All heavy atoms as atom14 arrays in JSON, in Angstrom:
{
  "sequence": "SMLAGNMGSKERMEYTVVGDTVNMASRLCGITNGGQIVMSREMYM",
  "atom14_mask": [
    [1, 1, 1, 1, 1, 1, 0, 0, 0, 0, 0, 0, 0, 0],
    [1, 1, 1, 1, 1, 1, 1, 1, 0, 0, 0, 0, 0, 0],
    [1, 1, 1, 1, 1, 1, 1, 1, 0, 0, 0, 0, 0, 0],
    [1, 1, 1, 1, 1, 0, 0, 0, 0, 0, 0, 0, 0, 0],
    [1, 1, 1, 1, 0, 0, 0, 0, 0, 0, 0, 0, 0, 0],
    [1, 1, 1, 1, 1, 1, 1, 1, 0, 0, 0, 0, 0, 0],
    [1, 1, 1, 1, 1, 1, 1, 1, 0, 0, 0, 0, 0, 0],
    [1, 1, 1, 1, 0, 0, 0, 0, 0, 0, 0, 0, 0, 0],
    [1, 1, 1, 1, 1, 1, 0, 0, 0, 0, 0, 0, 0, 0],
    [1, 1, 1, 1, 1, 1, 1, 1, 1, 0, 0, 0, 0, 0],
    [1, 1, 1, 1, 1, 1, 1, 1, 1, 0, 0, 0, 0, 0],
    [1, 1, 1, 1, 1, 1, 1, 1, 1, 1, 1, 0, 0, 0],
    [1, 1, 1, 1, 1, 1, 1, 1, 0, 0, 0, 0, 0, 0],
    [1, 1, 1, 1, 1, 1, 1, 1, 1, 0, 0, 0, 0, 0],
    [1, 1, 1, 1, 1, 1, 1, 1, 1, 1, 1, 1, 0, 0],
    [1, 1, 1, 1, 1, 1, 1, 0, 0, 0, 0, 0, 0, 0],
    [1, 1, 1, 1, 1, 1, 1, 0, 0, 0, 0, 0, 0, 0],
    [1, 1, 1, 1, 1, 1, 1, 0, 0, 0, 0, 0, 0, 0],
    [1, 1, 1, 1, 0, 0, 0, 0, 0, 0, 0, 0, 0, 0],
    [1, 1, 1, 1, 1, 1, 1, 1, 0, 0, 0, 0, 0, 0],
    [1, 1, 1, 1, 1, 1, 1, 0, 0, 0, 0, 0, 0, 0],
    [1, 1, 1, 1, 1, 1, 1, 0, 0, 0, 0, 0, 0, 0],
    [1, 1, 1, 1, 1, 1, 1, 1, 0, 0, 0, 0, 0, 0],
    [1, 1, 1, 1, 1, 1, 1, 1, 0, 0, 0, 0, 0, 0],
    [1, 1, 1, 1, 1, 0, 0, 0, 0, 0, 0, 0, 0, 0],
    [1, 1, 1, 1, 1, 1, 0, 0, 0, 0, 0, 0, 0, 0],
    [1, 1, 1, 1, 1, 1, 1, 1, 1, 1, 1, 0, 0, 0],
    [1, 1, 1, 1, 1, 1, 1, 1, 0, 0, 0, 0, 0, 0],
    [1, 1, 1, 1, 1, 1, 0, 0, 0, 0, 0, 0, 0, 0],
    [1, 1, 1, 1, 0, 0, 0, 0, 0, 0, 0, 0, 0, 0],
    [1, 1, 1, 1, 1, 1, 1, 1, 0, 0, 0, 0, 0, 0],
    [1, 1, 1, 1, 1, 1, 1, 0, 0, 0, 0, 0, 0, 0],
    [1, 1, 1, 1, 1, 1, 1, 1, 0, 0, 0, 0, 0, 0],
    [1, 1, 1, 1, 0, 0, 0, 0, 0, 0, 0, 0, 0, 0],
    [1, 1, 1, 1, 0, 0, 0, 0, 0, 0, 0, 0, 0, 0],
    [1, 1, 1, 1, 1, 1, 1, 1, 1, 0, 0, 0, 0, 0],
    [1, 1, 1, 1, 1, 1, 1, 1, 0, 0, 0, 0, 0, 0],
    [1, 1, 1, 1, 1, 1, 1, 0, 0, 0, 0, 0, 0, 0],
    [1, 1, 1, 1, 1, 1, 1, 1, 0, 0, 0, 0, 0, 0],
    [1, 1, 1, 1, 1, 1, 0, 0, 0, 0, 0, 0, 0, 0],
    [1, 1, 1, 1, 1, 1, 1, 1, 1, 1, 1, 0, 0, 0],
    [1, 1, 1, 1, 1, 1, 1, 1, 1, 0, 0, 0, 0, 0],
    [1, 1, 1, 1, 1, 1, 1, 1, 0, 0, 0, 0, 0, 0],
    [1, 1, 1, 1, 1, 1, 1, 1, 1, 1, 1, 1, 0, 0],
    [1, 1, 1, 1, 1, 1, 1, 1, 0, 0, 0, 0, 0, 0]
  ],
  "atom14_positions": [
    [[-8.68, 4.7, 3.04], [-7.99, 5.64, 3.92], [-6.62, 5.1, 4.3], [-6.45, 3.9, 4.48], [-8.8, 5.88, 5.19], [-10.03, 6.47, 4.87], [0.0, 0.0, 0.0], [0.0, 0.0, 0.0], [0.0, 0.0, 0.0], [0.0, 0.0, 0.0], [0.0, 0.0, 0.0], [0.0, 0.0, 0.0], [0.0, 0.0, 0.0], [0.0, 0.0, 0.0]],
    [[-5.68, 6.02, 4.43], [-4.34, 5.66, 4.88], [-3.71, 6.89, 5.48], [-4.17, 8.01, 5.28], [-3.51, 5.11, 3.73], [-3.3, 6.05, 2.58], [-2.53, 5.25, 1.19], [-3.76, 5.57, -0.04], [0.0, 0.0, 0.0], [0.0, 0.0, 0.0], [0.0, 0.0, 0.0], [0.0, 0.0, 0.0], [0.0, 0.0, 0.0], [0.0, 0.0, 0.0]],
    [[-2.66, 6.69, 6.21], [-1.91, 7.79, 6.79], [-0.78, 8.13, 5.83], [0.0, 7.25, 5.44], [-1.34, 7.38, 8.15], [-0.5, 8.42, 8.88], [-1.32, 9.67, 9.19], [0.08, 7.82, 10.15], [0.0, 0.0, 0.0], [0.0, 0.0, 0.0], [0.0, 0.0, 0.0], [0.0, 0.0, 0.0], [0.0, 0.0, 0.0], [0.0, 0.0, 0.0]],
    [[-0.7, 9.39, 5.43], [0.35, 9.85, 4.52], [1.14, 10.95, 5.19], [0.57, 11.83, 5.84], [-0.27, 10.37, 3.22], [0.0, 0.0, 0.0], [0.0, 0.0, 0.0], [0.0, 0.0, 0.0], [0.0, 0.0, 0.0], [0.0, 0.0, 0.0], [0.0, 0.0, 0.0], [0.0, 0.0, 0.0], [0.0, 0.0, 0.0], [0.0, 0.0, 0.0]],
    [[2.45, 10.9, 5.06], [3.26, 11.96, 5.62], [4.72, 11.58, 5.68], [5.12, 10.5, 5.23], [0.0, 0.0, 0.0], [0.0, 0.0, 0.0], [0.0, 0.0, 0.0], [0.0, 0.0, 0.0], [0.0, 0.0, 0.0], [0.0, 0.0, 0.0], [0.0, 0.0, 0.0], [0.0, 0.0, 0.0], [0.0, 0.0, 0.0], [0.0, 0.0, 0.0]],
    [[5.51, 12.46, 6.26], [6.93, 12.21, 6.42], [7.13, 11.32, 7.64], [6.67, 11.65, 8.73], [7.7, 13.52, 6.57], [7.68, 14.32, 5.29], [7.8, 13.75, 4.21], [7.53, 15.62, 5.4], [0.0, 0.0, 0.0], [0.0, 0.0, 0.0], [0.0, 0.0, 0.0], [0.0, 0.0, 0.0], [0.0, 0.0, 0.0], [0.0, 0.0, 0.0]],
    [[7.8, 10.2, 7.42], [8.04, 9.25, 8.5], [9.49, 8.83, 8.48], [10.13, 8.81, 7.43], [7.14, 8.03, 8.33], [5.68, 8.37, 8.47], [4.65, 6.96, 8.15], [3.21, 7.8, 7.5], [0.0, 0.0, 0.0], [0.0, 0.0, 0.0], [0.0, 0.0, 0.0], [0.0, 0.0, 0.0], [0.0, 0.0, 0.0], [0.0, 0.0, 0.0]],
    [[9.98, 8.48, 9.63], [11.35, 8.02, 9.74], [11.98, 8.51, 11.02], [11.33, 8.59, 12.06], [0.0, 0.0, 0.0], [0.0, 0.0, 0.0], [0.0, 0.0, 0.0], [0.0, 0.0, 0.0], [0.0, 0.0, 0.0], [0.0, 0.0, 0.0], [0.0, 0.0, 0.0], [0.0, 0.0, 0.0], [0.0, 0.0, 0.0], [0.0, 0.0, 0.0]],
    [[13.25, 8.87, 10.92], [14.0, 9.34, 12.08], [14.57, 10.71, 11.79], [14.45, 11.22, 10.67], [15.13, 8.35, 12.38], [16.08, 8.39, 11.33], [0.0, 0.0, 0.0], [0.0, 0.0, 0.0], [0.0, 0.0, 0.0], [0.0, 0.0, 0.0], [0.0, 0.0, 0.0], [0.0, 0.0, 0.0], [0.0, 0.0, 0.0], [0.0, 0.0, 0.0]],
    [[15.22, 11.3, 12.79], [15.85, 12.61, 12.57], [16.9, 12.52, 11.47], [17.1, 13.47, 10.73], [16.5, 13.11, 13.86], [15.5, 13.59, 14.88], [16.17, 14.32, 16.03], [16.88, 13.34, 16.93], [17.43, 13.99, 18.15], [0.0, 0.0, 0.0], [0.0, 0.0, 0.0], [0.0, 0.0, 0.0], [0.0, 0.0, 0.0], [0.0, 0.0, 0.0]],
    [[17.53, 11.36, 11.35], [18.59, 11.2, 10.36], [18.07, 10.97, 8.95], [18.73, 11.3, 7.98], [19.51, 10.03, 10.75], [20.38, 10.29, 11.94], [19.62, 10.15, 13.26], [18.58, 9.44, 13.3], [20.05, 10.75, 14.25], [0.0, 0.0, 0.0], [0.0, 0.0, 0.0], [0.0, 0.0, 0.0], [0.0, 0.0, 0.0], [0.0, 0.0, 0.0]],
    [[16.87, 10.4, 8.86], [16.34, 10.1, 7.53], [14.82, 10.08, 7.54], [14.21, 9.21, 8.17], [16.87, 8.76, 7.03], [16.38, 8.44, 5.64], [17.01, 7.21, 5.09], [16.37, 6.9, 3.82], [16.58, 5.82, 3.13], [17.43, 4.92, 3.58], [15.97, 5.61, 2.0], [0.0, 0.0, 0.0], [0.0, 0.0, 0.0], [0.0, 0.0, 0.0]],
    [[14.21, 10.99, 6.84], [12.75, 11.07, 6.71], [12.37, 10.78, 5.26], [13.09, 11.15, 4.34], [12.25, 12.48, 7.04], [12.21, 12.81, 8.48], [10.75, 12.04, 9.17], [10.87, 12.65, 10.81], [0.0, 0.0, 0.0], [0.0, 0.0, 0.0], [0.0, 0.0, 0.0], [0.0, 0.0, 0.0], [0.0, 0.0, 0.0], [0.0, 0.0, 0.0]],
    [[11.23, 10.12, 5.09], [10.69, 9.87, 3.75], [9.19, 10.09, 3.78], [8.52, 9.74, 4.75], [10.95, 8.42, 3.33], [12.37, 8.09, 3.02], [12.53, 6.66, 2.53], [11.55, 5.9, 2.51], [13.65, 6.31, 2.13], [0.0, 0.0, 0.0], [0.0, 0.0, 0.0], [0.0, 0.0, 0.0], [0.0, 0.0, 0.0], [0.0, 0.0, 0.0]],
    [[8.67, 10.63, 2.69], [7.23, 10.71, 2.53], [6.75, 9.32, 2.16], [7.3, 8.68, 1.25], [6.86, 11.71, 1.42], [5.37, 11.83, 1.24], [4.63, 12.69, 2.03], [4.7, 11.04, 0.3], [3.25, 12.79, 1.88], [3.32, 11.13, 0.15], [2.6, 12.01, 0.94], [1.24, 12.09, 0.8], [0.0, 0.0, 0.0], [0.0, 0.0, 0.0]],
    [[5.72, 8.82, 2.84], [5.2, 7.5, 2.54], [3.76, 7.39, 3.04], [3.22, 8.34, 3.61], [6.09, 6.39, 3.16], [5.72, 5.13, 2.61], [5.99, 6.36, 4.67], [0.0, 0.0, 0.0], [0.0, 0.0, 0.0], [0.0, 0.0, 0.0], [0.0, 0.0, 0.0], [0.0, 0.0, 0.0], [0.0, 0.0, 0.0], [0.0, 0.0, 0.0]],
    [[3.16, 6.26, 2.8], [1.81, 5.97, 3.29], [1.84, 4.66, 4.06], [2.61, 3.75, 3.74], [0.79, 5.9, 2.13], [0.6, 7.26, 1.48], [1.19, 4.88, 1.08], [0.0, 0.0, 0.0], [0.0, 0.0, 0.0], [0.0, 0.0, 0.0], [0.0, 0.0, 0.0], [0.0, 0.0, 0.0], [0.0, 0.0, 0.0], [0.0, 0.0, 0.0]],
    [[1.0, 4.57, 5.09], [0.9, 3.36, 5.88], [-0.55, 3.12, 6.26], [-1.38, 4.03, 6.22], [1.77, 3.43, 7.17], [3.25, 3.49, 6.85], [1.36, 4.6, 8.05], [0.0, 0.0, 0.0], [0.0, 0.0, 0.0], [0.0, 0.0, 0.0], [0.0, 0.0, 0.0], [0.0, 0.0, 0.0], [0.0, 0.0, 0.0], [0.0, 0.0, 0.0]],
    [[-0.86, 1.89, 6.62], [-2.19, 1.54, 7.09], [-2.69, 0.26, 6.46], [-2.02, -0.35, 5.61], [0.0, 0.0, 0.0], [0.0, 0.0, 0.0], [0.0, 0.0, 0.0], [0.0, 0.0, 0.0], [0.0, 0.0, 0.0], [0.0, 0.0, 0.0], [0.0, 0.0, 0.0], [0.0, 0.0, 0.0], [0.0, 0.0, 0.0], [0.0, 0.0, 0.0]],
    [[-3.88, -0.16, 6.89], [-4.47, -1.39, 6.39], [-4.65, -1.37, 4.87], [-4.5, -2.4, 4.2], [-5.81, -1.65, 7.06], [-5.67, -2.05, 8.52], [-4.56, -2.48, 8.9], [-6.65, -1.94, 9.27], [0.0, 0.0, 0.0], [0.0, 0.0, 0.0], [0.0, 0.0, 0.0], [0.0, 0.0, 0.0], [0.0, 0.0, 0.0], [0.0, 0.0, 0.0]],
    [[-4.99, -0.22, 4.31], [-5.18, -0.1, 2.86], [-3.89, -0.46, 2.11], [-3.92, -1.18, 1.12], [-5.62, 1.33, 2.5], [-6.87, 1.59, 3.16], [-5.79, 1.51, 1.02], [0.0, 0.0, 0.0], [0.0, 0.0, 0.0], [0.0, 0.0, 0.0], [0.0, 0.0, 0.0], [0.0, 0.0, 0.0], [0.0, 0.0, 0.0], [0.0, 0.0, 0.0]],
    [[-2.78, 0.03, 2.62], [-1.47, -0.24, 2.0], [-1.11, -1.71, 2.17], [-0.65, -2.35, 1.22], [-0.39, 0.67, 2.64], [0.97, 0.39, 2.02], [-0.77, 2.13, 2.48], [0.0, 0.0, 0.0], [0.0, 0.0, 0.0], [0.0, 0.0, 0.0], [0.0, 0.0, 0.0], [0.0, 0.0, 0.0], [0.0, 0.0, 0.0], [0.0, 0.0, 0.0]],
    [[-1.34, -2.25, 3.35], [-1.05, -3.66, 3.6], [-1.85, -4.56, 2.67], [-1.35, -5.55, 2.16], [-1.34, -4.02, 5.06], [-0.4, -3.32, 6.02], [0.66, -2.84, 5.64], [-0.81, -3.23, 7.26], [0.0, 0.0, 0.0], [0.0, 0.0, 0.0], [0.0, 0.0, 0.0], [0.0, 0.0, 0.0], [0.0, 0.0, 0.0], [0.0, 0.0, 0.0]],
    [[-3.12, -4.21, 2.45], [-3.98, -5.0, 1.57], [-3.43, -5.01, 0.15], [-3.38, -6.05, -0.5], [-5.41, -4.46, 1.58], [-6.29, -5.08, 0.53], [-6.79, -6.74, 0.9], [-8.04, -6.39, 2.11], [0.0, 0.0, 0.0], [0.0, 0.0, 0.0], [0.0, 0.0, 0.0], [0.0, 0.0, 0.0], [0.0, 0.0, 0.0], [0.0, 0.0, 0.0]],
    [[-3.01, -3.86, -0.35], [-2.45, -3.8, -1.71], [-1.23, -4.7, -1.83], [-1.08, -5.42, -2.82], [-2.1, -2.36, -2.07], [0.0, 0.0, 0.0], [0.0, 0.0, 0.0], [0.0, 0.0, 0.0], [0.0, 0.0, 0.0], [0.0, 0.0, 0.0], [0.0, 0.0, 0.0], [0.0, 0.0, 0.0], [0.0, 0.0, 0.0], [0.0, 0.0, 0.0]],
    [[-0.38, -4.68, -0.83], [0.8, -5.53, -0.83], [0.42, -7.0, -0.84], [0.99, -7.81, -1.58], [1.67, -5.21, 0.39], [2.77, -6.07, 0.45], [0.0, 0.0, 0.0], [0.0, 0.0, 0.0], [0.0, 0.0, 0.0], [0.0, 0.0, 0.0], [0.0, 0.0, 0.0], [0.0, 0.0, 0.0], [0.0, 0.0, 0.0], [0.0, 0.0, 0.0]],
    [[-0.55, -7.37, -0.04], [-0.98, -8.77, 0.01], [-1.64, -9.2, -1.29], [-1.48, -10.33, -1.73], [-1.88, -8.99, 1.21], [-1.08, -8.95, 2.5], [-1.89, -9.34, 3.71], [-1.06, -9.42, 4.89], [-0.87, -8.43, 5.74], [-1.44, -7.26, 5.53], [-0.09, -8.58, 6.79], [0.0, 0.0, 0.0], [0.0, 0.0, 0.0], [0.0, 0.0, 0.0]],
    [[-2.39, -8.29, -1.91], [-3.01, -8.62, -3.21], [-1.93, -8.85, -4.26], [-2.07, -9.72, -5.1], [-3.97, -7.51, -3.64], [-5.24, -7.39, -2.82], [-6.07, -6.21, -3.3], [-6.05, -8.67, -2.84], [0.0, 0.0, 0.0], [0.0, 0.0, 0.0], [0.0, 0.0, 0.0], [0.0, 0.0, 0.0], [0.0, 0.0, 0.0], [0.0, 0.0, 0.0]],
    [[-0.87, -8.07, -4.2], [0.24, -8.29, -5.13], [0.82, -9.68, -4.93], [1.18, -10.35, -5.89], [1.3, -7.22, -4.91], [2.56, -7.2, -6.19], [0.0, 0.0, 0.0], [0.0, 0.0, 0.0], [0.0, 0.0, 0.0], [0.0, 0.0, 0.0], [0.0, 0.0, 0.0], [0.0, 0.0, 0.0], [0.0, 0.0, 0.0], [0.0, 0.0, 0.0]],
    [[0.87, -10.13, -3.7], [1.42, -11.44, -3.39], [0.63, -12.6, -3.94], [1.18, -13.67, -4.18], [0.0, 0.0, 0.0], [0.0, 0.0, 0.0], [0.0, 0.0, 0.0], [0.0, 0.0, 0.0], [0.0, 0.0, 0.0], [0.0, 0.0, 0.0], [0.0, 0.0, 0.0], [0.0, 0.0, 0.0], [0.0, 0.0, 0.0], [0.0, 0.0, 0.0]],
    [[-0.68, -12.43, -4.16], [-1.51, -13.53, -4.68], [-1.69, -13.44, -6.19], [-2.33, -14.28, -6.8], [-2.89, -13.59, -3.99], [-3.7, -12.32, -4.23], [-2.74, -13.86, -2.52], [-4.95, -12.55, -5.0], [0.0, 0.0, 0.0], [0.0, 0.0, 0.0], [0.0, 0.0, 0.0], [0.0, 0.0, 0.0], [0.0, 0.0, 0.0], [0.0, 0.0, 0.0]],
    [[-1.09, -12.43, -6.79], [-1.25, -12.17, -8.21], [-0.23, -12.97, -9.01], [0.9, -13.13, -8.59], [-1.06, -10.66, -8.47], [-1.98, -9.94, -7.66], [-1.29, -10.3, -9.91], [0.0, 0.0, 0.0], [0.0, 0.0, 0.0], [0.0, 0.0, 0.0], [0.0, 0.0, 0.0], [0.0, 0.0, 0.0], [0.0, 0.0, 0.0], [0.0, 0.0, 0.0]],
    [[-0.64, -13.45, -10.17], [0.29, -14.11, -11.09], [0.95, -13.05, -11.98], [0.38, -11.98, -12.2], [-0.45, -15.13, -11.96], [-0.99, -16.28, -11.14], [-0.31, -16.8, -10.27], [-2.22, -16.67, -11.39], [0.0, 0.0, 0.0], [0.0, 0.0, 0.0], [0.0, 0.0, 0.0], [0.0, 0.0, 0.0], [0.0, 0.0, 0.0], [0.0, 0.0, 0.0]],
    [[2.11, -13.35, -12.51], [2.82, -12.42, -13.38], [1.96, -11.97, -14.54], [1.31, -12.78, -15.19], [0.0, 0.0, 0.0], [0.0, 0.0, 0.0], [0.0, 0.0, 0.0], [0.0, 0.0, 0.0], [0.0, 0.0, 0.0], [0.0, 0.0, 0.0], [0.0, 0.0, 0.0], [0.0, 0.0, 0.0], [0.0, 0.0, 0.0], [0.0, 0.0, 0.0]],
    [[1.92, -10.68, -14.76], [1.13, -10.12, -15.86], [-0.29, -9.77, -15.47], [-1.03, -9.21, -16.28], [0.0, 0.0, 0.0], [0.0, 0.0, 0.0], [0.0, 0.0, 0.0], [0.0, 0.0, 0.0], [0.0, 0.0, 0.0], [0.0, 0.0, 0.0], [0.0, 0.0, 0.0], [0.0, 0.0, 0.0], [0.0, 0.0, 0.0], [0.0, 0.0, 0.0]],
    [[-0.7, -10.08, -14.25], [-2.06, -9.78, -13.81], [-2.1, -8.5, -12.98], [-1.13, -8.12, -12.34], [-2.62, -10.91, -12.94], [-2.94, -12.18, -13.68], [-3.53, -13.23, -12.74], [-3.16, -13.32, -11.57], [-4.44, -14.03, -13.27], [0.0, 0.0, 0.0], [0.0, 0.0, 0.0], [0.0, 0.0, 0.0], [0.0, 0.0, 0.0], [0.0, 0.0, 0.0]],
    [[-3.28, -7.89, -12.98], [-3.57, -6.74, -12.13], [-4.78, -7.13, -11.28], [-5.87, -7.31, -11.8], [-3.9, -5.48, -12.96], [-2.76, -5.15, -13.94], [-4.21, -4.31, -12.04], [-3.12, -4.12, -14.99], [0.0, 0.0, 0.0], [0.0, 0.0, 0.0], [0.0, 0.0, 0.0], [0.0, 0.0, 0.0], [0.0, 0.0, 0.0], [0.0, 0.0, 0.0]],
    [[-4.56, -7.3, -9.99], [-5.63, -7.7, -9.07], [-5.96, -6.52, -8.17], [-5.07, -5.85, -7.66], [-5.21, -8.92, -8.22], [-6.26, -9.24, -7.17], [-5.0, -10.14, -9.12], [0.0, 0.0, 0.0], [0.0, 0.0, 0.0], [0.0, 0.0, 0.0], [0.0, 0.0, 0.0], [0.0, 0.0, 0.0], [0.0, 0.0, 0.0], [0.0, 0.0, 0.0]],
    [[-7.26, -6.27, -8.03], [-7.7, -5.17, -7.17], [-8.74, -5.66, -6.18], [-9.38, -6.69, -6.38], [-8.28, -4.04, -8.01], [-9.59, -4.37, -8.68], [-10.2, -3.01, -9.66], [-10.35, -3.84, -11.23], [0.0, 0.0, 0.0], [0.0, 0.0, 0.0], [0.0, 0.0, 0.0], [0.0, 0.0, 0.0], [0.0, 0.0, 0.0], [0.0, 0.0, 0.0]],
    [[-8.88, -4.9, -5.12], [-9.87, -5.2, -4.1], [-11.27, -4.87, -4.61], [-11.45, -4.09, -5.56], [-9.59, -4.39, -2.84], [-9.78, -3.0, -3.11], [0.0, 0.0, 0.0], [0.0, 0.0, 0.0], [0.0, 0.0, 0.0], [0.0, 0.0, 0.0], [0.0, 0.0, 0.0], [0.0, 0.0, 0.0], [0.0, 0.0, 0.0], [0.0, 0.0, 0.0]],
    [[-12.26, -5.44, -3.96], [-13.66, -5.14, -4.27], [-13.94, -3.65, -4.06], [-14.67, -3.03, -4.83], [-14.58, -5.99, -3.41], [-16.05, -5.72, -3.63], [-16.92, -6.68, -2.8], [-18.32, -6.47, -3.08], [-18.97, -6.9, -4.15], [-18.31, -7.58, -5.09], [-20.25, -6.66, -4.33], [0.0, 0.0, 0.0], [0.0, 0.0, 0.0], [0.0, 0.0, 0.0]],
    [[-13.34, -3.07, -3.02], [-13.54, -1.65, -2.74], [-13.1, -0.79, -3.92], [-13.76, 0.19, -4.28], [-12.79, -1.23, -1.47], [-13.37, -1.78, -0.19], [-13.13, -3.27, 0.03], [-12.16, -3.83, -0.53], [-13.93, -3.88, 0.75], [0.0, 0.0, 0.0], [0.0, 0.0, 0.0], [0.0, 0.0, 0.0], [0.0, 0.0, 0.0], [0.0, 0.0, 0.0]],
    [[-12.01, -1.17, -4.52], [-11.52, -0.41, -5.67], [-12.47, -0.57, -6.86], [-12.82, 0.39, -7.52], [-10.11, -0.86, -6.02], [-9.41, 0.07, -6.97], [-7.63, -0.1, -6.77], [-7.1, 1.29, -7.7], [0.0, 0.0, 0.0], [0.0, 0.0, 0.0], [0.0, 0.0, 0.0], [0.0, 0.0, 0.0], [0.0, 0.0, 0.0], [0.0, 0.0, 0.0]],
    [[-12.87, -1.8, -7.1], [-13.79, -2.09, -8.2], [-15.12, -1.35, -8.01], [-15.71, -0.87, -8.97], [-14.02, -3.6, -8.28], [-15.04, -4.01, -9.32], [-14.71, -3.98, -10.68], [-16.31, -4.4, -8.96], [-15.63, -4.36, -11.64], [-17.25, -4.78, -9.91], [-16.9, -4.75, -11.25], [-17.83, -5.11, -12.2], [0.0, 0.0, 0.0], [0.0, 0.0, 0.0]],
    [[-15.58, -1.24, -6.77], [-16.88, -0.63, -6.49], [-16.82, 0.89, -6.34], [-17.85, 1.53, -6.12], [-17.47, -1.23, -5.19], [-17.76, -2.72, -5.28], [-18.95, -3.15, -6.55], [-20.46, -2.62, -5.77], [0.0, 0.0, 0.0], [0.0, 0.0, 0.0], [0.0, 0.0, 0.0], [0.0, 0.0, 0.0], [0.0, 0.0, 0.0], [0.0, 0.0, 0.0]]
  ]
}
């Protein structure tokens, strides 16, 4: 689950997603070596 929608300010809005799910994906990317695809157990299951 994540929050999806238009976020930003009156001057600039963007469609994006936020939440723990998004943060986890970013952190998994950080522990990955070049050329690898790492996924969470939740994704695998």
